[in-house]
Amino acid sequence: MAGFSERTLQVAVVVSFSVGFLAGWQANKMWKKHQQDKWSEIQKKLDSS
């Protein structure tokens, strides 16, 4: 039984790490796109002035 719970713990750690990694990666992509959009908005304002 001890081996089973250890295995379950390993799986849980790997799964939670993967979920955290993917969530962080997606958030990072969204943040970069957000920054890019803001930057192009600023560029347009500068160009029009």
PDB file of N, CA and C in Angstrom:
ATOM      1  N   MET A   1       0.824  -1.206   0.000  1.00  0.00           N
ATOM      2  CA  MET A   1       0.000   0.000   0.000  1.00  0.00           C
ATOM      3  C   MET A   1       0.862   1.262   0.000  1.00  0.00           C
ATOM      4  N   ALA A   2       2.022   1.180   0.668  1.00  0.00           N
ATOM      5  CA  ALA A   2       2.903   2.351   0.738  1.00  0.00           C
ATOM      6  C   ALA A   2       3.392   2.737  -0.657  1.00  0.00           C
ATOM      7  N   GLY A   3       3.698   1.726  -1.473  1.00  0.00           N
ATOM      8  CA  GLY A   3       4.159   1.995  -2.835  1.00  0.00           C
ATOM      9  C   GLY A   3       3.095   2.689  -3.661  1.00  0.00           C
ATOM     10  N   PHE A   4       1.849   2.283  -3.466  1.00  0.00           N
ATOM     11  CA  PHE A   4       0.737   2.879  -4.209  1.00  0.00           C
ATOM     12  C   PHE A   4       0.579   4.356  -3.875  1.00  0.00           C
ATOM     13  N   SER A   5       0.608   4.678  -2.574  1.00  0.00           N
ATOM     14  CA  SER A   5       0.414   6.075  -2.186  1.00  0.00           C
ATOM     15  C   SER A   5       1.589   6.937  -2.650  1.00  0.00           C
ATOM     16  N   GLU A   6       2.781   6.363  -2.672  1.00  0.00           N
ATOM     17  CA  GLU A   6       3.948   7.105  -3.149  1.00  0.00           C
ATOM     18  C   GLU A   6       3.803   7.398  -4.641  1.00  0.00           C
ATOM     19  N   ARG A   7       3.330   6.405  -5.374  1.00  0.00           N
ATOM     20  CA  ARG A   7       3.105   6.560  -6.817  1.00  0.00           C
ATOM     21  C   ARG A   7       2.033   7.623  -7.069  1.00  0.00           C
ATOM     22  N   THR A   8       0.973   7.558  -6.299  1.00  0.00           N
ATOM     23  CA  THR A   8      -0.108   8.540  -6.433  1.00  0.00           C
ATOM     24  C   THR A   8       0.418   9.947  -6.170  1.00  0.00           C
ATOM     25  N   LEU A   9       1.264  10.063  -5.164  1.00  0.00           N
ATOM     26  CA  LEU A   9       1.844  11.363  -4.835  1.00  0.00           C
ATOM     27  C   LEU A   9       2.693  11.873  -5.998  1.00  0.00           C
ATOM     28  N   GLN A  10       3.509  10.991  -6.579  1.00  0.00           N
ATOM     29  CA  GLN A  10       4.349  11.385  -7.719  1.00  0.00           C
ATOM     30  C   GLN A  10       3.484  11.864  -8.880  1.00  0.00           C
ATOM     31  N   VAL A  11       2.431  11.114  -9.177  1.00  0.00           N
ATOM     32  CA  VAL A  11       1.529  11.486 -10.269  1.00  0.00           C
ATOM     33  C   VAL A  11       0.878  12.835  -9.977  1.00  0.00           C
ATOM     34  N   ALA A  12       0.432  13.021  -8.743  1.00  0.00           N
ATOM     35  CA  ALA A  12      -0.215  14.279  -8.363  1.00  0.00           C
ATOM     36  C   ALA A  12       0.745  15.456  -8.522  1.00  0.00           C
ATOM     37  N   VAL A  13       1.998  15.254  -8.120  1.00  0.00           N
ATOM     38  CA  VAL A  13       2.999  16.320  -8.237  1.00  0.00           C
ATOM     39  C   VAL A  13       3.247  16.653  -9.706  1.00  0.00           C
ATOM     40  N   VAL A  14       3.408  15.630 -10.531  1.00  0.00           N
ATOM     41  CA  VAL A  14       3.653  15.851 -11.962  1.00  0.00           C
ATOM     42  C   VAL A  14       2.466  16.555 -12.617  1.00  0.00           C
ATOM     43  N   VAL A  15       1.267  16.109 -12.291  1.00  0.00           N
ATOM     44  CA  VAL A  15       0.064  16.716 -12.872  1.00  0.00           C
ATOM     45  C   VAL A  15      -0.067  18.176 -12.444  1.00  0.00           C
ATOM     46  N   SER A  16       0.115  18.444 -11.156  1.00  0.00           N
ATOM     47  CA  SER A  16      -0.036  19.825 -10.686  1.00  0.00           C
ATOM     48  C   SER A  16       1.057  20.716 -11.265  1.00  0.00           C
ATOM     49  N   PHE A  17       2.262  20.173 -11.423  1.00  0.00           N
ATOM     50  CA  PHE A  17       3.341  20.947 -12.035  1.00  0.00           C
ATOM     51  C   PHE A  17       2.998  21.274 -13.483  1.00  0.00           C
ATOM     52  N   SER A  18       2.497  20.268 -14.215  1.00  0.00           N
ATOM     53  CA  SER A  18       2.140  20.469 -15.621  1.00  0.00           C
ATOM     54  C   SER A  18       1.038  21.506 -15.770  1.00  0.00           C
ATOM     55  N   VAL A  19       0.023  21.413 -14.927  1.00  0.00           N
ATOM     56  CA  VAL A  19      -1.086  22.371 -14.984  1.00  0.00           C
ATOM     57  C   VAL A  19      -0.575  23.778 -14.684  1.00  0.00           C
ATOM     58  N   GLY A  20       0.260  23.900 -13.657  1.00  0.00           N
ATOM     59  CA  GLY A  20       0.819  25.205 -13.310  1.00  0.00           C
ATOM     60  C   GLY A  20       1.677  25.763 -14.424  1.00  0.00           C
ATOM     61  N   PHE A  21       2.474  24.888 -15.036  1.00  0.00           N
ATOM     62  CA  PHE A  21       3.346  25.317 -16.127  1.00  0.00           C
ATOM     63  C   PHE A  21       2.525  25.808 -17.315  1.00  0.00           C
ATOM     64  N   LEU A  22       1.508  25.033 -17.696  1.00  0.00           N
ATOM     65  CA  LEU A  22       0.663  25.420 -18.831  1.00  0.00           C
ATOM     66  C   LEU A  22      -0.092  26.710 -18.547  1.00  0.00           C
ATOM     67  N   ALA A  23      -0.613  26.850 -17.335  1.00  0.00           N
ATOM     68  CA  ALA A  23      -1.349  28.063 -16.972  1.00  0.00           C
ATOM     69  C   ALA A  23      -0.425  29.277 -17.038  1.00  0.00           C
ATOM     70  N   GLY A  24       0.783  29.132 -16.516  1.00  0.00           N
ATOM     71  CA  GLY A  24       1.754  30.223 -16.551  1.00  0.00           C
ATOM     72  C   GLY A  24       2.155  30.576 -17.968  1.00  0.00           C
ATOM     73  N   TRP A  25       2.307  29.555 -18.801  1.00  0.00           N
ATOM     74  CA  TRP A  25       2.710  29.773 -20.195  1.00  0.00           C
ATOM     75  C   TRP A  25       1.615  30.522 -20.949  1.00  0.00           C
ATOM     76  N   GLN A  26       0.353  30.103 -20.737  1.00  0.00           N
ATOM     77  CA  GLN A  26      -0.774  30.768 -21.381  1.00  0.00           C
ATOM     78  C   GLN A  26      -0.894  32.217 -20.902  1.00  0.00           C
ATOM     79  N   ALA A  27      -0.753  32.425 -19.600  1.00  0.00           N
ATOM     80  CA  ALA A  27      -0.842  33.775 -19.039  1.00  0.00           C
ATOM     81  C   ALA A  27       0.264  34.648 -19.615  1.00  0.00           C
ATOM     82  N   ASN A  28       1.453  34.080 -19.766  1.00  0.00           N
ATOM     83  CA  ASN A  28       2.585  34.812 -20.322  1.00  0.00           C
ATOM     84  C   ASN A  28       2.305  35.208 -21.772  1.00  0.00           C
ATOM     85  N   LYS A  29       1.743  34.276 -22.553  1.00  0.00           N
ATOM     86  CA  LYS A  29       1.402  34.576 -23.944  1.00  0.00           C
ATOM     87  C   LYS A  29       0.380  35.699 -24.015  1.00  0.00           C
ATOM     88  N   MET A  30      -0.662  35.606 -23.156  1.00  0.00           N
ATOM     89  CA  MET A  30      -1.697  36.635 -23.148  1.00  0.00           C
ATOM     90  C   MET A  30      -1.115  37.984 -22.741  1.00  0.00           C
ATOM     91  N   TRP A  31      -0.223  37.981 -21.747  1.00  0.00           N
ATOM     92  CA  TRP A  31       0.399  39.214 -21.273  1.00  0.00           C
ATOM     93  C   TRP A  31       1.230  39.849 -22.383  1.00  0.00           C
ATOM     94  N   LYS A  32       2.005  39.025 -23.101  1.00  0.00           N
ATOM     95  CA  LYS A  32       2.835  39.550 -24.188  1.00  0.00           C
ATOM     96  C   LYS A  32       1.971  40.157 -25.282  1.00  0.00           C
ATOM     97  N   LYS A  33       0.851  39.494 -25.613  1.00  0.00           N
ATOM     98  CA  LYS A  33      -0.048  40.026 -26.634  1.00  0.00           C
ATOM     99  C   LYS A  33      -0.639  41.351 -26.157  1.00  0.00           C
ATOM    100  N   HIS A  34      -1.016  41.404 -24.895  1.00  0.00           N
ATOM    101  CA  HIS A  34      -1.567  42.625 -24.307  1.00  0.00           C
ATOM    102  C   HIS A  34      -0.548  43.761 -24.421  1.00  0.00           C
ATOM    103  N   GLN A  35       0.704  43.478 -24.062  1.00  0.00           N
ATOM    104  CA  GLN A  35       1.761  44.484 -24.132  1.00  0.00           C
ATOM    105  C   GLN A  35       1.971  44.930 -25.582  1.00  0.00           C
ATOM    106  N   GLN A  36       1.938  43.958 -26.498  1.00  0.00           N
ATOM    107  CA  GLN A  36       2.129  44.258 -27.920  1.00  0.00           C
ATOM    108  C   GLN A  36       1.026  45.184 -28.418  1.00  0.00           C
ATOM    109  N   ASP A  37      -0.214  44.899 -28.016  1.00  0.00           N
ATOM    110  CA  ASP A  37      -1.348  45.734 -28.423  1.00  0.00           C
ATOM    111  C   ASP A  37      -1.186  47.155 -27.887  1.00  0.00           C
ATOM    112  N   LYS A  38      -0.801  47.262 -26.622  1.00  0.00           N
ATOM    113  CA  LYS A  38      -0.603  48.586 -26.026  1.00  0.00           C
ATOM    114  C   LYS A  38       0.499  49.335 -26.760  1.00  0.00           C
ATOM    115  N   TRP A  39       1.572  48.627 -27.091  1.00  0.00           N
ATOM    116  CA  TRP A  39       2.708  49.242 -27.767  1.00  0.00           C
ATOM    117  C   TRP A  39       2.301  49.764 -29.137  1.00  0.00           C
ATOM    118  N   SER A  40       1.528  48.965 -29.903  1.00  0.00           N
ATOM    119  CA  SER A  40       1.120  49.442 -31.224  1.00  0.00           C
ATOM    120  C   SER A  40       0.165  50.622 -31.118  1.00  0.00           C
ATOM    121  N   GLU A  41      -0.635  50.651 -30.052  1.00  0.00           N
ATOM    122  CA  GLU A  41      -1.521  51.790 -29.820  1.00  0.00           C
ATOM    123  C   GLU A  41      -0.689  53.055 -29.587  1.00  0.00           C
ATOM    124  N   ILE A  42       0.346  52.934 -28.772  1.00  0.00           N
ATOM    125  CA  ILE A  42       1.236  54.067 -28.486  1.00  0.00           C
ATOM    126  C   ILE A  42       1.931  54.518 -29.768  1.00  0.00           C
ATOM    127  N   GLN A  43       2.381  53.540 -30.563  1.00  0.00           N
ATOM    128  CA  GLN A  43       3.058  53.861 -31.820  1.00  0.00           C
ATOM    129  C   GLN A  43       2.125  54.648 -32.744  1.00  0.00           C
ATOM    130  N   LYS A  44       0.859  54.217 -32.828  1.00  0.00           N
ATOM    131  CA  LYS A  44      -0.111  54.910 -33.677  1.00  0.00           C
ATOM    132  C   LYS A  44      -0.299  56.345 -33.204  1.00  0.00           C
ATOM    133  N   LYS A  45      -0.415  56.517 -31.882  1.00  0.00           N
ATOM    134  CA  LYS A  45      -0.594  57.862 -31.326  1.00  0.00           C
ATOM    135  C   LYS A  45       0.605  58.738 -31.665  1.00  0.00           C
ATOM    136  N   LEU A  46       1.802  58.168 -31.551  1.00  0.00           N
ATOM    137  CA  LEU A  46       3.010  58.930 -31.852  1.00  0.00           C
ATOM    138  C   LEU A  46       3.071  59.282 -33.335  1.00  0.00           C
ATOM    139  N   ASP A  47       2.687  58.333 -34.181  1.00  0.00           N
ATOM    140  CA  ASP A  47       2.715  58.573 -35.626  1.00  0.00           C
ATOM    141  C   ASP A  47       1.727  59.660 -36.028  1.00  0.00           C
ATOM    142  N   SER A  48       0.548  59.666 -35.414  1.00  0.00           N
ATOM    143  CA  SER A  48      -0.482  60.626 -35.804  1.00  0.00           C
ATOM    144  C   SER A  48      -0.199  62.031 -35.265  1.00  0.00           C
ATOM    145  N   SER A  49       0.648  62.135 -34.250  1.00  0.00           N
ATOM    146  CA  SER A  49       0.902  63.470 -33.691  1.00  0.00           C
ATOM    147  C   SER A  49       1.978  64.208 -34.470  1.00  0.00           C
TER     148      SER A  49
END
